[in-house]
Amino acid sequence: MINQKKSTPISPDLSISIGGLGLKNPVLLASGTCGYGMELDDLLDLDQIGGIIIKGLSIRPRPGNSPPRLVETPCGLLNSIGLENMGIEAFLRDKLPLLRNIKTPLIVNILGNSVEEYFEMARRLDGAEGIKAIEVNISCPNVKAGGIAFGTDPETAASVTHAVKKATGLPIIIKLTPNVTDITEIARKVASAGADAISLINTLLGMAIDIKFRRPALANVFGGLSGPAIKPVALRMVWQVVRAVDIPVIGIGGISTPDDALEFLMAGARAVEIGTATLIRPGTAEEVLTGIRDYMKTNNVQNVKNLRLPA
């Protein structure tokens, strides 16, 4: 009888690096859907996932838009929260000390209505104990340019990137809006301005109408569409941007299963963010992480980077 050696199951390496920030795996909680982090502490093991992106913070507290500001759509969600948040001072004083007990790296999402506000936000976060990186939301209106979003103009997007890089030594992730003609043009500009990584996509602009009351379903009329409905668009844009820049890309948009995440990783994303799915199943990020690991074991993929498809 011939003795056959049993193959030793591989232990996949899921660790990644983004702008010098080492993460134990590529599954992150997206800004805006996990609050300030601790809200999900009893619903999933925060220490297991790769990173937590705190909801967008501004210089001063923001009350957000008037209700109704959430509307379900087929395979998606429209939100017009209006970037409600407590402001950076309250966050640093009341939330950050508690968050330091979490082993998972904390990334803070920031927003502003001027280049100066972005600079000041980054400056205040620089050196704050427990903050490992900054994600910059450039979908905000530039009040000095008539309200046009920073992220829709290549030059203003680059200006914000440059200002934030000047203000801090933390890794900088620029979050791109999909509401543009050519996503690669914006991506190249922020990369050349010093971005350490790019995350995309933010929500797509949309609306819904309440036919019973014959009025827009959202008080603000328009809102941001997220959820499974936008995944094909997000995946296409990630594929394009990965091949347009030489910095890491983080995929966002409709990821709710391990298969979804694997598609983004195969498209070339270094990591993925779980957003709207967390509102439905708070443990989605852990499910996605387990699914990625199982896929790699089954298909003998040693390193998560090897999932990427050739150009």
Foldseek 3Di string as FASTA:
>chain_A
DDDDDDDDFAQAQQWDDFLNDIWRHFEEADAPFCAQPCVCVVQAPLQPFGEYEHHEAFQAFDQFDDPPAWDDDVQWIFGRRRSGDHHDVCCLVPPPVVVQVHPHQYEYEYEDQALVRLLVVLLVCAPRPRHQAYEYEQQFFNVVVVGHGQQQDQVSLLSSLLSSVVRHPHQYEYEHEPPYDDNLSNLVSSVVSPHREYEDDWFDKDWDADVVVGGTNGPVRIGGIAALVCLVVQLVSLLVNLVRDDHAYEGEGHDQALVSQLSSLQSPHSHYHDHPNCVVRVHRSVRNVVSVSVVCSVVVPRYSNVSHHDD
